[in-house]
Protein backbone atom coordinates (compact mmCIF):
# COMPACT_ATOMS: atom_id res chain seq x y z
CA UNK A 1 -1.69 32.38 -68.99
CA UNK A 2 -2.10 34.83 -66.11
CA UNK A 3 -5.86 34.20 -66.17
CA UNK A 4 -5.17 30.62 -65.10
CA UNK A 5 -3.28 31.94 -62.06
CA UNK A 6 -6.26 34.16 -61.21
CA UNK A 7 -8.59 31.18 -61.45
CA UNK A 8 -6.37 29.06 -59.16
CA UNK A 9 -6.20 31.85 -56.60
CA UNK A 10 -9.98 32.17 -56.57
CA UNK A 11 -10.33 28.42 -56.02
CA UNK A 12 -7.99 28.27 -53.01
CA UNK A 13 -9.18 31.46 -51.28
CA UNK A 14 -9.72 30.90 -47.53
CA UNK A 15 -8.39 27.36 -47.70
CA UNK A 16 -5.47 26.09 -45.59
CA UNK A 17 -2.03 27.54 -46.36
CA UNK A 18 -0.64 24.36 -48.00
CA UNK A 19 -3.05 24.93 -50.92
CA UNK A 20 -0.71 27.70 -52.06
CA UNK A 21 1.60 24.89 -53.27
CA UNK A 22 -0.73 24.37 -56.24
CA UNK A 23 0.38 27.72 -57.67
CA UNK A 24 3.88 26.53 -58.57
CA UNK A 25 4.51 26.94 -62.29
CA UNK A 26 4.96 29.48 -65.09
CA UNK A 27 2.41 32.10 -66.10
CA UNK A 28 2.43 34.47 -69.07
CA UNK A 29 1.73 38.14 -68.28
CA UNK A 30 1.62 40.96 -70.82
CA UNK A 31 5.32 41.86 -70.69
CA UNK A 32 6.94 38.95 -68.92
CA UNK A 33 6.78 35.35 -67.78
CA UNK A 34 6.18 34.84 -64.05
CA UNK A 35 7.65 31.70 -62.48
CA UNK A 36 6.55 30.66 -58.97
CA UNK A 37 9.54 28.51 -58.07
CA UNK A 38 9.04 27.73 -54.38
CA UNK A 39 6.11 28.28 -52.03
CA UNK A 40 6.73 28.83 -48.31
CA UNK A 41 5.29 26.33 -45.84
CA UNK A 42 3.47 28.87 -43.68
CA UNK A 43 3.18 32.68 -43.42
CA UNK A 44 5.99 32.83 -40.82
CA UNK A 45 8.51 30.84 -42.92
CA UNK A 46 10.99 32.27 -45.39
CA UNK A 47 9.03 34.01 -48.19
CA UNK A 48 8.18 32.29 -51.46
CA UNK A 49 10.71 32.42 -54.30
CA UNK A 50 9.56 33.88 -57.64
CA UNK A 51 11.23 35.04 -60.81
CA UNK A 52 10.27 36.89 -63.94
CA UNK A 53 11.80 36.54 -67.38
CA UNK A 54 11.50 39.29 -69.96
CA UNK A 55 12.56 38.55 -73.51
CA UNK A 56 15.00 40.88 -75.23
CA UNK A 57 12.17 42.14 -77.46
CA UNK A 58 9.84 42.80 -74.51
CA UNK A 59 12.52 44.51 -72.42
CA UNK A 60 13.52 46.69 -75.37
CA UNK A 61 17.11 47.45 -74.34
CA UNK A 62 19.22 48.67 -77.27
CA UNK A 63 22.02 46.26 -78.09
CA UNK A 64 24.67 48.92 -77.57
CA UNK A 65 23.85 48.92 -73.85
CA UNK A 66 24.84 45.26 -73.63
CA UNK A 67 27.59 45.15 -76.23
CA UNK A 68 30.62 46.92 -77.54
CA UNK A 69 31.92 46.69 -81.12
CA UNK A 70 34.75 44.29 -80.26
CA UNK A 71 32.86 41.92 -77.96
CA UNK A 72 29.18 41.09 -78.62
CA UNK A 73 27.08 40.88 -75.46
CA UNK A 74 30.00 42.12 -73.37
CA UNK A 75 29.82 40.32 -70.03
CA UNK A 76 31.01 43.37 -68.09
CA UNK A 77 28.36 45.63 -69.63
CA UNK A 78 25.50 43.23 -68.99
CA UNK A 79 26.59 42.77 -65.36
CA UNK A 80 26.69 46.53 -64.80
CA UNK A 81 23.29 47.06 -66.42
CA UNK A 82 21.78 44.15 -64.46
CA UNK A 83 23.21 45.69 -61.28
CA UNK A 84 21.52 49.02 -62.06
CA UNK A 85 18.19 47.34 -62.83
CA UNK A 86 18.34 45.27 -59.64
CA UNK A 87 18.89 48.42 -57.56
CA UNK A 88 15.84 50.01 -59.16
CA UNK A 89 13.72 46.88 -58.84
CA UNK A 90 14.69 46.49 -55.16
CA UNK A 91 13.61 50.07 -54.53
CA UNK A 92 10.29 49.41 -56.29
CA UNK A 93 9.70 46.28 -54.21
CA UNK A 94 10.37 48.21 -51.01
CA UNK A 95 7.70 50.75 -51.97
CA UNK A 96 5.20 47.98 -52.70
CA UNK A 97 6.05 45.82 -49.68
CA UNK A 98 3.47 45.31 -46.92
CA UNK A 99 0.67 47.09 -48.78
CA UNK A 100 -1.47 44.04 -48.10
CA UNK A 101 -2.76 42.62 -44.84
CA UNK A 102 -1.96 39.30 -43.25
CA UNK A 103 0.07 37.39 -40.64
CA UNK A 104 3.82 36.92 -40.39
CA UNK A 105 5.64 37.77 -43.61
CA UNK A 106 2.39 38.30 -45.55
CA UNK A 107 2.83 40.92 -48.24
CA UNK A 108 6.59 41.28 -47.90
CA UNK A 109 8.43 41.94 -51.17
CA UNK A 110 12.22 41.82 -51.42
CA UNK A 111 15.22 40.85 -53.49
CA UNK A 112 19.00 41.00 -53.23
CA UNK A 113 20.17 44.57 -52.56
CA UNK A 114 23.61 45.42 -53.98
CA UNK A 115 26.17 47.43 -52.04
CA UNK A 116 28.80 49.79 -53.45
CA UNK A 117 30.47 47.09 -55.53
CA UNK A 118 29.21 45.84 -58.88
CA UNK A 119 28.96 42.04 -58.64
CA UNK A 120 27.62 39.38 -60.95
CA UNK A 121 24.49 38.07 -59.24
CA UNK A 122 21.90 35.34 -59.67
CA UNK A 123 19.20 37.84 -58.67
CA UNK A 124 19.31 39.72 -61.98
CA UNK A 125 21.06 38.74 -65.19
CA UNK A 126 20.92 38.79 -68.98
CA UNK A 127 21.44 35.58 -70.90
CA UNK A 128 23.38 35.35 -74.15
CA UNK A 129 20.32 36.40 -76.17
CA UNK A 130 19.65 39.51 -74.10
CA UNK A 131 16.69 38.04 -72.19
CA UNK A 132 16.44 39.39 -68.63
CA UNK A 133 15.71 37.30 -65.52
CA UNK A 134 15.03 38.78 -62.08
CA UNK A 135 14.53 36.72 -58.90
CA UNK A 136 12.75 37.96 -55.80
CA UNK A 137 10.79 36.93 -52.70
CA UNK A 138 7.10 37.36 -51.86
CA UNK A 139 5.38 36.64 -48.56
CA UNK A 140 2.16 34.91 -49.62
CA UNK A 141 -0.62 36.51 -47.52
CA UNK A 142 -2.68 34.66 -44.94
CA UNK A 143 -4.74 35.29 -41.82
CA UNK A 144 -3.17 32.80 -39.45
CA UNK A 145 -2.88 29.79 -41.76
CA UNK A 146 -5.90 30.73 -43.89
CA UNK A 147 -5.12 31.88 -47.44
CA UNK A 148 -5.94 35.48 -48.35
CA UNK A 149 -6.01 35.01 -52.11
CA UNK A 150 -7.35 38.50 -52.79
CA UNK A 151 -4.26 40.02 -51.18
CA UNK A 152 -1.96 37.92 -53.37
CA UNK A 153 -3.98 38.97 -56.43
CA UNK A 154 -3.24 42.56 -55.46
CA UNK A 155 0.49 41.77 -55.29
CA UNK A 156 0.80 39.70 -58.47
CA UNK A 157 -1.64 41.62 -60.67
CA UNK A 158 -1.20 45.19 -59.49
CA UNK A 159 1.94 45.88 -57.45
CA UNK A 160 4.31 43.57 -59.34
CA UNK A 161 3.33 44.58 -62.92
CA UNK A 162 3.78 48.23 -61.97
CA UNK A 163 7.18 47.49 -60.42
CA UNK A 164 8.27 45.61 -63.55
CA UNK A 165 6.99 48.28 -65.92
CA UNK A 166 8.67 51.14 -64.06
CA UNK A 167 12.00 49.50 -63.33
CA UNK A 168 12.78 46.78 -65.88
CA UNK A 169 11.43 47.96 -69.24
CA UNK A 170 13.67 50.25 -71.24
CA UNK A 171 10.79 52.48 -72.35
CA UNK A 172 10.19 53.56 -68.73
CA UNK A 173 13.81 54.12 -67.75
CA UNK A 174 16.11 57.17 -68.09
CA UNK A 175 18.14 56.43 -71.20
CA UNK A 176 20.90 58.82 -70.17
CA UNK A 177 21.41 57.09 -66.84
CA UNK A 178 21.61 53.65 -68.46
CA UNK A 179 24.12 54.93 -71.01
CA UNK A 180 26.21 56.34 -68.15
CA UNK A 181 26.21 52.93 -66.45
CA UNK A 182 27.40 51.29 -69.67
CA UNK A 183 30.04 53.97 -70.22
CA UNK A 184 31.45 53.59 -66.72
CA UNK A 185 31.61 49.80 -67.10
CA UNK A 186 33.50 50.14 -70.38
CA UNK A 187 35.85 52.75 -68.87
CA UNK A 188 36.58 50.50 -65.89
CA UNK A 189 37.27 47.53 -68.15
CA UNK A 190 39.51 49.68 -70.36
CA UNK A 191 41.44 50.97 -67.36
CA UNK A 192 42.05 47.46 -66.07
CA UNK A 193 43.28 46.35 -69.49
CA UNK A 194 45.62 49.33 -69.80
CA UNK A 195 46.93 48.75 -66.29
CA UNK A 196 47.72 45.18 -67.26
CA UNK A 197 49.54 46.37 -70.38
CA UNK A 198 51.59 48.80 -68.28
CA UNK A 199 52.36 46.09 -65.75
CA UNK A 200 50.67 47.89 -62.84
CA UNK A 201 49.28 46.11 -59.79
CA UNK A 202 47.23 49.11 -58.67
CA UNK A 203 45.91 52.54 -59.65
CA UNK A 204 44.25 55.30 -57.62
CA UNK A 205 42.66 57.95 -59.78
CA UNK A 206 43.10 61.62 -58.95
CA UNK A 207 39.97 62.92 -57.27
CA UNK A 208 39.11 59.54 -55.74
CA UNK A 209 37.35 59.63 -52.37
CA UNK A 210 38.85 56.87 -50.24
CA UNK A 211 37.47 57.53 -46.71
CA UNK A 212 34.19 55.80 -45.92
CA UNK A 213 31.21 57.16 -44.03
CA UNK A 214 31.79 54.95 -40.97
CA UNK A 215 33.10 51.59 -39.86
CA UNK A 216 29.78 49.99 -40.79
CA UNK A 217 29.08 51.91 -44.01
CA UNK A 218 30.88 51.73 -47.32
CA UNK A 219 29.32 54.95 -48.59
CA UNK A 220 31.80 57.79 -49.24
CA UNK A 221 32.57 60.21 -46.43
CA UNK A 222 31.09 63.63 -47.09
CA UNK A 223 33.59 66.52 -47.39
CA UNK A 224 36.50 64.05 -47.56
CA UNK A 225 39.78 65.24 -49.07
CA UNK A 226 40.03 63.99 -52.68
CA UNK A 227 43.07 61.89 -53.54
CA UNK A 228 45.93 63.58 -55.39
CA UNK A 229 48.74 61.43 -56.76
CA UNK A 230 52.41 62.31 -56.19
CA UNK A 231 54.00 63.69 -59.33
CA UNK A 232 56.69 60.97 -59.20
CA UNK A 233 54.09 58.22 -59.48
CA UNK A 234 51.50 59.89 -61.67
CA UNK A 235 50.45 58.08 -64.80
CA UNK A 236 47.84 59.05 -67.39
CA UNK A 237 45.46 56.84 -69.34
CA UNK A 238 42.82 57.61 -71.94
CA UNK A 239 39.44 55.96 -71.44
CA UNK A 240 36.81 55.55 -74.18
CA UNK A 241 34.15 57.72 -72.47
CA UNK A 242 35.75 59.49 -69.52
CA UNK A 243 38.67 60.62 -71.63
CA UNK A 244 42.02 61.35 -70.00
CA UNK A 245 42.51 60.22 -66.41
CA UNK A 246 45.55 60.57 -64.19
CA UNK A 247 46.37 58.89 -60.93
CA UNK A 248 48.94 57.13 -58.81
CA UNK A 249 50.49 54.02 -60.30
CA UNK A 250 51.32 51.12 -58.00
CA UNK A 251 54.09 49.10 -59.62
CA UNK A 252 55.07 45.49 -58.96
CA UNK A 253 57.62 44.92 -56.22
CA UNK A 254 57.47 46.16 -52.66
CA UNK A 255 55.50 49.30 -51.83
CA UNK A 256 55.48 50.72 -48.32
CA UNK A 257 52.76 53.06 -47.09
CA UNK A 258 54.00 55.02 -44.08
CA UNK A 259 52.96 58.07 -42.07
CA UNK A 260 51.63 59.19 -38.74
CA UNK A 261 48.52 57.82 -37.12
CA UNK A 262 45.16 58.94 -38.55
CA UNK A 263 46.78 60.33 -41.72
CA UNK A 264 45.18 57.83 -44.11
CA UNK A 265 47.59 54.88 -44.38
CA UNK A 266 45.02 52.17 -43.72
CA UNK A 267 42.40 54.06 -45.72
CA UNK A 268 44.65 53.92 -48.79
CA UNK A 269 45.24 50.20 -48.29
CA UNK A 270 41.51 49.59 -47.86
CA UNK A 271 40.91 51.34 -51.16
CA UNK A 272 43.34 48.95 -52.84
CA UNK A 273 41.83 46.01 -50.94
CA UNK A 274 38.43 46.71 -52.52
CA UNK A 275 39.94 47.71 -55.85
CA UNK A 276 39.53 44.11 -56.98
CA UNK A 277 35.89 45.12 -57.63
CA UNK A 278 34.32 47.79 -59.83
CA UNK A 279 32.29 50.41 -57.95
CA UNK A 280 29.12 52.29 -58.82
CA UNK A 281 29.08 55.94 -59.90
CA UNK A 282 29.28 58.28 -56.93
CA UNK A 283 31.14 55.81 -54.73
CA UNK A 284 34.39 57.77 -55.00
CA UNK A 285 36.40 54.64 -55.88
CA UNK A 286 35.18 54.26 -59.46
CA UNK A 287 38.77 54.43 -60.71
CA UNK A 288 40.57 52.74 -57.82
CA UNK A 289 41.81 49.48 -59.29
CA UNK A 290 43.89 46.59 -57.98
CA UNK A 291 45.19 43.38 -59.53
CA UNK A 292 42.16 41.05 -59.28
CA UNK A 293 44.21 38.34 -57.54
CA UNK A 294 45.31 40.64 -54.67
CA UNK A 295 44.82 39.12 -51.21
CA UNK A 296 44.65 40.86 -47.86
CA UNK A 297 46.81 38.88 -45.45
CA UNK A 298 46.61 39.19 -41.67
CA UNK A 299 47.20 37.28 -38.45
CA UNK A 300 44.33 35.07 -37.28
CA UNK A 301 44.93 33.78 -33.76
CA UNK A 302 43.20 30.48 -33.20
CA UNK A 303 42.46 29.53 -36.80
CA UNK A 304 42.88 25.99 -38.04
CA UNK A 305 45.71 25.10 -40.43
CA UNK A 306 46.00 21.83 -42.28
CA UNK A 307 49.11 20.50 -44.02
CA UNK A 308 50.63 23.84 -45.11
CA UNK A 309 54.35 24.29 -45.79
CA UNK A 310 55.24 27.29 -43.65
CA UNK A 311 58.96 26.39 -43.51
CA UNK A 312 60.05 29.46 -45.54
CA UNK A 313 58.99 31.49 -42.49
CA UNK A 314 58.94 29.11 -39.53
CA UNK A 315 61.27 26.18 -38.87
CA UNK A 316 63.14 24.38 -36.08
CA UNK A 317 60.30 24.59 -33.59
CA UNK A 318 61.48 23.60 -30.08
CA UNK A 319 58.86 20.83 -29.90
CA UNK A 320 60.16 19.38 -33.17
CA UNK A 321 56.83 19.91 -34.94
CA UNK A 322 56.96 19.56 -38.72
CA UNK A 323 56.59 22.93 -40.47
CA UNK A 324 56.83 21.49 -43.99
CA UNK A 325 53.43 19.88 -43.43
CA UNK A 326 52.23 22.10 -40.62
CA UNK A 327 48.85 21.56 -38.98
CA UNK A 328 47.28 23.20 -35.96
CA UNK A 329 43.79 23.56 -34.54
CA UNK A 330 44.79 26.71 -32.66
CA UNK A 331 47.41 28.60 -34.65
CA UNK A 332 49.31 31.54 -33.22
CA UNK A 333 49.39 34.94 -34.88
CA UNK A 334 52.73 34.23 -36.56
CA UNK A 335 51.92 30.71 -37.80
CA UNK A 336 48.49 31.78 -39.01
CA UNK A 337 49.96 34.66 -41.01
CA UNK A 338 52.73 32.47 -42.42
CA UNK A 339 50.08 30.00 -43.55
CA UNK A 340 47.98 32.80 -45.08
CA UNK A 341 50.95 33.98 -47.15
CA UNK A 342 51.71 30.49 -48.46
CA UNK A 343 48.02 29.77 -49.12
CA UNK A 344 47.67 33.01 -51.07
CA UNK A 345 50.67 32.12 -53.23
CA UNK A 346 49.15 28.68 -53.80
CA UNK A 347 45.90 30.36 -54.86
CA UNK A 348 47.69 32.35 -57.56
CA UNK A 349 47.77 35.75 -55.85
CA UNK A 350 50.20 38.16 -57.45
CA UNK A 351 49.80 40.83 -54.75
CA UNK A 352 49.75 40.59 -50.95
CA UNK A 353 48.22 43.47 -49.01
CA UNK A 354 49.19 43.89 -45.35
CA UNK A 355 48.50 46.38 -42.59
CA UNK A 356 50.92 46.37 -39.69
CA UNK A 357 47.98 46.91 -37.32
CA UNK A 358 46.53 43.47 -38.12
CA UNK A 359 49.79 41.57 -38.55
CA UNK A 360 51.77 39.53 -36.01
CA UNK A 361 54.69 41.76 -35.02
CA UNK A 362 57.13 38.87 -34.53
CA UNK A 363 56.24 37.52 -37.98
CA UNK A 364 56.85 40.81 -39.73
CA UNK A 365 60.27 41.87 -38.40
CA UNK A 366 62.92 41.70 -35.65
CA UNK A 367 64.94 44.73 -34.62
CA UNK A 368 68.72 44.78 -34.27
CA UNK A 369 68.81 44.72 -30.48
CA UNK A 370 66.50 41.71 -30.30
CA UNK A 371 68.67 39.90 -32.84
CA UNK A 372 71.73 40.51 -30.66
CA UNK A 373 70.03 39.05 -27.61
CA UNK A 374 68.10 36.18 -29.29
CA UNK A 375 70.34 34.57 -31.88
CA UNK A 376 68.94 33.39 -35.21
CA UNK A 377 69.47 29.74 -34.27
CA UNK A 378 67.26 30.30 -31.22
CA UNK A 379 64.44 31.99 -33.17
CA UNK A 380 62.17 29.73 -35.29
CA UNK A 381 60.59 32.67 -37.15
CA UNK A 382 62.23 34.12 -40.25
CA UNK A 383 60.65 37.60 -40.45
CA UNK A 384 58.60 38.53 -43.47
CA UNK A 385 60.89 41.51 -44.11
CA UNK A 386 63.64 39.00 -45.01
CA UNK A 387 61.43 37.06 -47.39
CA UNK A 388 59.33 39.65 -49.22
CA UNK A 389 62.10 40.47 -51.71
CA UNK A 390 62.50 36.81 -52.65
CA UNK A 391 58.72 36.42 -52.89
CA UNK A 392 58.75 39.03 -55.62
CA UNK A 393 61.94 38.07 -57.43
CA UNK A 394 61.40 34.29 -57.33
CA UNK A 395 57.62 33.98 -57.44
CA UNK A 396 56.47 37.33 -58.84
CA UNK A 397 54.39 38.12 -55.74
CA UNK A 398 54.37 41.82 -54.85
CA UNK A 399 53.74 43.29 -51.40
CA UNK A 400 51.90 46.48 -50.46
CA UNK A 401 52.47 47.08 -46.76
CA UNK A 402 51.27 49.70 -44.30
CA UNK A 403 54.10 50.28 -41.82
CA UNK A 404 53.86 52.91 -39.14
CA UNK A 405 56.22 51.89 -36.35
CA UNK A 406 59.40 50.41 -37.81
CA UNK A 407 61.89 51.25 -40.54
CA UNK A 408 62.97 47.63 -40.82
CA UNK A 409 61.15 47.34 -44.16
CA UNK A 410 62.90 50.29 -45.80
CA UNK A 411 65.89 48.24 -46.92
CA UNK A 412 63.66 46.11 -49.18
CA UNK A 413 61.22 48.73 -50.47
CA UNK A 414 61.04 49.71 -54.14
CA UNK A 415 58.72 52.61 -53.37
CA UNK A 416 57.78 54.42 -50.18
CA UNK A 417 54.59 56.49 -50.02
CA UNK A 418 54.07 58.72 -47.00
CA UNK A 419 50.53 59.78 -46.11
CA UNK A 420 50.09 63.28 -44.65
CA UNK A 421 46.60 64.67 -44.07
CA UNK A 422 45.16 61.99 -46.39
CA UNK A 423 47.49 63.00 -49.20
CA UNK A 424 50.29 60.77 -50.56
CA UNK A 425 53.89 61.87 -50.96
CA UNK A 426 56.61 59.80 -52.60
CA UNK A 427 59.54 59.76 -50.15
CA UNK A 428 61.47 56.95 -51.83
CA UNK A 429 64.51 59.12 -52.59
CA UNK A 430 64.50 60.55 -49.07
CA UNK A 431 64.54 57.03 -47.63
CA UNK A 432 67.34 55.99 -49.99
CA UNK A 433 69.38 59.04 -49.00
CA UNK A 434 68.99 58.10 -45.34
CA UNK A 435 69.88 54.54 -46.20
CA UNK A 436 73.14 55.84 -47.67
CA UNK A 437 73.97 57.72 -44.47
CA UNK A 438 72.90 54.86 -42.21
CA UNK A 439 73.46 51.29 -43.29
CA UNK A 440 69.90 49.95 -43.29
CA UNK A 441 71.09 46.57 -44.52
CA UNK A 442 71.46 43.91 -41.85
CA UNK A 443 74.72 42.76 -43.39
CA UNK A 444 73.53 39.26 -44.28
CA UNK A 445 72.89 37.82 -47.68
CA UNK A 446 69.61 36.00 -47.15
CA UNK A 447 68.45 36.17 -50.78
CA UNK A 448 69.78 32.74 -51.81
CA UNK A 449 68.43 31.02 -48.72
CA UNK A 450 65.04 32.66 -49.24
CA UNK A 451 65.01 31.68 -52.92
CA UNK A 452 65.83 28.07 -52.06
CA UNK A 453 63.10 27.93 -49.41
CA UNK A 454 60.46 29.31 -51.76
CA UNK A 455 61.59 27.11 -54.65
CA UNK A 456 60.96 24.06 -52.45
CA UNK A 457 57.22 24.77 -52.20
CA UNK A 458 55.20 21.91 -53.69
CA UNK A 459 51.50 22.68 -53.76
CA UNK A 460 50.70 19.50 -55.63
CA UNK A 461 51.34 17.53 -52.46
CA UNK A 462 48.34 19.08 -50.67
CA UNK A 463 45.60 16.56 -51.38
CA UNK A 464 42.77 17.34 -48.98
CA UNK A 465 40.06 15.07 -47.69
CA UNK A 466 36.82 16.19 -46.08
CA UNK A 467 35.10 14.64 -43.09
CA UNK A 468 32.12 12.97 -44.82
CA UNK A 469 29.89 13.45 -41.77
CA UNK A 470 29.96 17.23 -42.19
CA UNK A 471 28.47 17.28 -45.68
CA UNK A 472 26.31 14.18 -45.33
CA UNK A 473 22.79 14.85 -46.67
CA UNK A 474 20.05 15.15 -44.05
CA UNK A 475 16.67 14.09 -45.44
CA UNK A 476 18.02 14.24 -48.97
CA UNK A 477 19.98 17.49 -48.86
CA UNK A 478 22.93 19.19 -47.21
CA UNK A 479 21.71 22.10 -45.12
CA UNK A 480 23.64 25.30 -44.71
CA UNK A 481 23.09 28.60 -42.96
CA UNK A 482 24.54 31.91 -44.10
CA UNK A 483 26.07 33.96 -41.28
CA UNK A 484 26.64 37.00 -43.47
CA UNK A 485 30.24 38.12 -43.70
CA UNK A 486 31.09 36.11 -40.58
CA UNK A 487 30.95 32.77 -42.41
CA UNK A 488 28.48 29.90 -42.75
CA UNK A 489 27.33 26.67 -41.13
CA UNK A 490 27.08 23.40 -43.08
CA UNK A 491 24.80 21.00 -41.23
CA UNK A 492 26.32 21.58 -37.77
CA UNK A 493 29.90 22.50 -38.72
CA UNK A 494 30.74 26.20 -38.81
CA UNK A 495 33.39 28.08 -40.80
CA UNK A 496 34.71 31.29 -39.21
CA UNK A 497 35.54 33.58 -42.14
CA UNK A 498 35.57 36.98 -40.44
CA UNK A 499 39.20 37.58 -41.42
CA UNK A 500 38.37 37.38 -45.15
CA UNK A 501 37.55 41.06 -45.52
CA UNK A 502 37.55 40.98 -49.32
CA UNK A 503 34.37 38.89 -49.27
CA UNK A 504 32.15 41.95 -49.14
CA UNK A 505 28.61 40.65 -49.64
CA UNK A 506 26.49 38.02 -47.89
CA UNK A 507 25.44 36.71 -51.32
CA UNK A 508 29.10 35.89 -52.02
CA UNK A 509 29.15 33.94 -48.75
CA UNK A 510 26.05 32.07 -49.89
CA UNK A 511 27.73 30.98 -53.12
CA UNK A 512 30.89 30.02 -51.21
CA UNK A 513 28.80 27.74 -48.98
CA UNK A 514 27.46 25.96 -52.07
CA UNK A 515 30.97 25.76 -53.55
CA UNK A 516 32.36 24.31 -50.34
CA UNK A 517 29.70 21.61 -50.24
CA UNK A 518 30.34 20.73 -53.88
CA UNK A 519 34.13 20.63 -53.51
CA UNK A 520 34.02 18.63 -50.28
CA UNK A 521 32.17 15.96 -52.18
CA UNK A 522 35.05 15.77 -54.69
CA UNK A 523 37.87 15.48 -52.13
CA UNK A 524 39.24 11.95 -52.28
CA UNK A 525 42.83 12.50 -51.12
CA UNK A 526 44.09 11.97 -54.67
CA UNK A 527 43.50 15.44 -56.13
CA UNK A 528 45.42 18.53 -55.05
CA UNK A 529 43.64 21.63 -53.85
CA UNK A 530 44.90 23.41 -56.95
CA UNK A 531 43.37 20.76 -59.20
CA UNK A 532 40.03 20.91 -57.42
CA UNK A 533 39.83 24.71 -57.41
CA UNK A 534 41.06 25.07 -61.00
CA UNK A 535 38.50 22.59 -62.28
CA UNK A 536 35.72 24.35 -60.38
CA UNK A 537 36.70 27.78 -61.75
CA UNK A 538 36.56 26.39 -65.29
CA UNK A 539 33.07 25.07 -64.60
CA UNK A 540 32.03 28.45 -63.23
CA UNK A 541 33.35 30.17 -66.36
CA UNK A 542 31.18 27.96 -68.54
CA UNK A 543 28.12 27.33 -66.35
CA UNK A 544 28.11 30.25 -63.92
CA UNK A 545 26.41 29.67 -60.57
CA UNK A 546 24.99 26.35 -61.77
CA UNK A 547 28.52 24.91 -61.52
CA UNK A 548 27.92 24.35 -57.80
CA UNK A 549 24.15 24.71 -57.38
CA UNK A 550 21.81 22.01 -58.58
CA UNK A 551 18.18 22.56 -59.54
CA UNK A 552 16.62 26.01 -59.61
CA UNK A 553 19.09 28.78 -58.85
CA UNK A 554 18.25 30.83 -55.75
CA UNK A 555 18.28 34.59 -56.12
CA UNK A 556 20.90 35.27 -53.43
CA UNK A 557 24.22 34.31 -55.04
CA UNK A 558 27.09 36.60 -56.01
CA UNK A 559 30.28 35.74 -57.87
CA UNK A 560 33.61 35.09 -56.13
CA UNK A 561 37.27 34.68 -57.12
CA UNK A 562 39.43 31.58 -57.11
CA UNK A 563 41.38 33.19 -54.25
CA UNK A 564 38.20 33.37 -52.16
CA UNK A 565 37.50 29.68 -52.72
CA UNK A 566 41.01 28.73 -51.57
CA UNK A 567 40.77 31.01 -48.53
CA UNK A 568 37.45 29.50 -47.44
CA UNK A 569 38.50 25.87 -47.91
CA UNK A 570 41.70 26.52 -45.95
CA UNK A 571 39.62 27.69 -42.99
CA UNK A 572 37.15 24.81 -42.88
CA UNK A 573 38.29 22.72 -39.94
CA UNK A 574 36.70 19.54 -41.31
CA UNK A 575 38.95 19.59 -44.40
CA UNK A 576 42.25 17.83 -43.63
């Protein structure tokens, strides 16, 4: 009981800091169970890890907030509600933080703070019975290394109960706001399902606000021009709560986004890039949706590549290097982008997103004059513009490409959207009319050659092994350090993941570090990367974060896609 915690605190008051370790355990409070999971070693170390569990009866949330008639305890609803509660709880902790005295991190209160996307997190979740768990951090107070038990009593018996009561119990929360969160989650799920039925790879709702506040903020830009879909591409859906919604449909195939500089081309692509996630109300992208397997592909000078078949794009290198099993510790822009395309296909991506600004120009296209001077048999690179049609027709992989400087892609495009003053215009027919007046075809039938090259891809032959020294336990465990969206370090080996822009949260990077450690331990050179990743995703579906994390779950994990796992493993230089 909580009284036992009070008694322990009184006993250890003014003793040395290590005495705090005796507090580990579970304690029953009036409305919840408090679990002290880990106690920091000193007041300057990382804060102590705590969690609270509130039973479904104690929390009091109506079942219709967590369920819908067709799917009891709907996963999407419970994630959205947990996200809303975590935002409120984080705000409450901020207000209560540092209201006590002490050295170092004494009195600090914090938890994971969500961004604009709604992600499944270990910091706040409902189990299958509707019980709620929230994980957070507390800096146990001390003067130097002397325990200030009275200050911790203030935190655990005054500040924390108030924070729980005001932010996690249904009776204290605005019912209308919670219903709105549930309704939006159900509308977003419905829209994704209807998109799938219509065969769409993307949708941008009319009225969406795509521009962001700044390069370092994902909040919507104030006074931005709302999106308005071209009439030729407008489609209408009916959502269970929002009602009728119209917007621009993005169909499978090849879609070009063109226009002058600063007219919104990249902004539109960035909206689709993040459309793999649901967004909170007020973000402006609540109804901007993309196929969940979509991958942003770009050039990455200097990245490592291991045993990737890039021969559909690059062959006959002058040094005789094998491009069927291509490896490099310092890839060029073109080879890195070729590898990224093949790796994305291997990972099951159905959509590739590209922005000419971040692509290797020689990988994307060659103009007619250059082809006359440098013959095909002298050029190892087969441009992407000659392969993207076959990628779609043979493998079902669509391309959405921002192109601002060359019309070389027009001959292959199914749809061309021109951005003017942040508004889209469908100019497909205009482009086709020009194509009739000027022969935009290069006069060569490359479709069969491209199909044969792509058909030869054998992903089952990629059977990676990991350098055992990298993930060798040090004093009983494998250490890792989260570098935010830049990557992570495992023991002393670092993974540079800055190019993976669809990993949007440091808590996703934390989970990817755990996944990498777990998967490296399973690499024996006999299992393909597809087998390893597929098996792990099945474990995640059944066990959640515990699929890769042993013991007590930390409160700083966020869910990732199979495509993210592939992308990370392919960039770890110690995996060969």
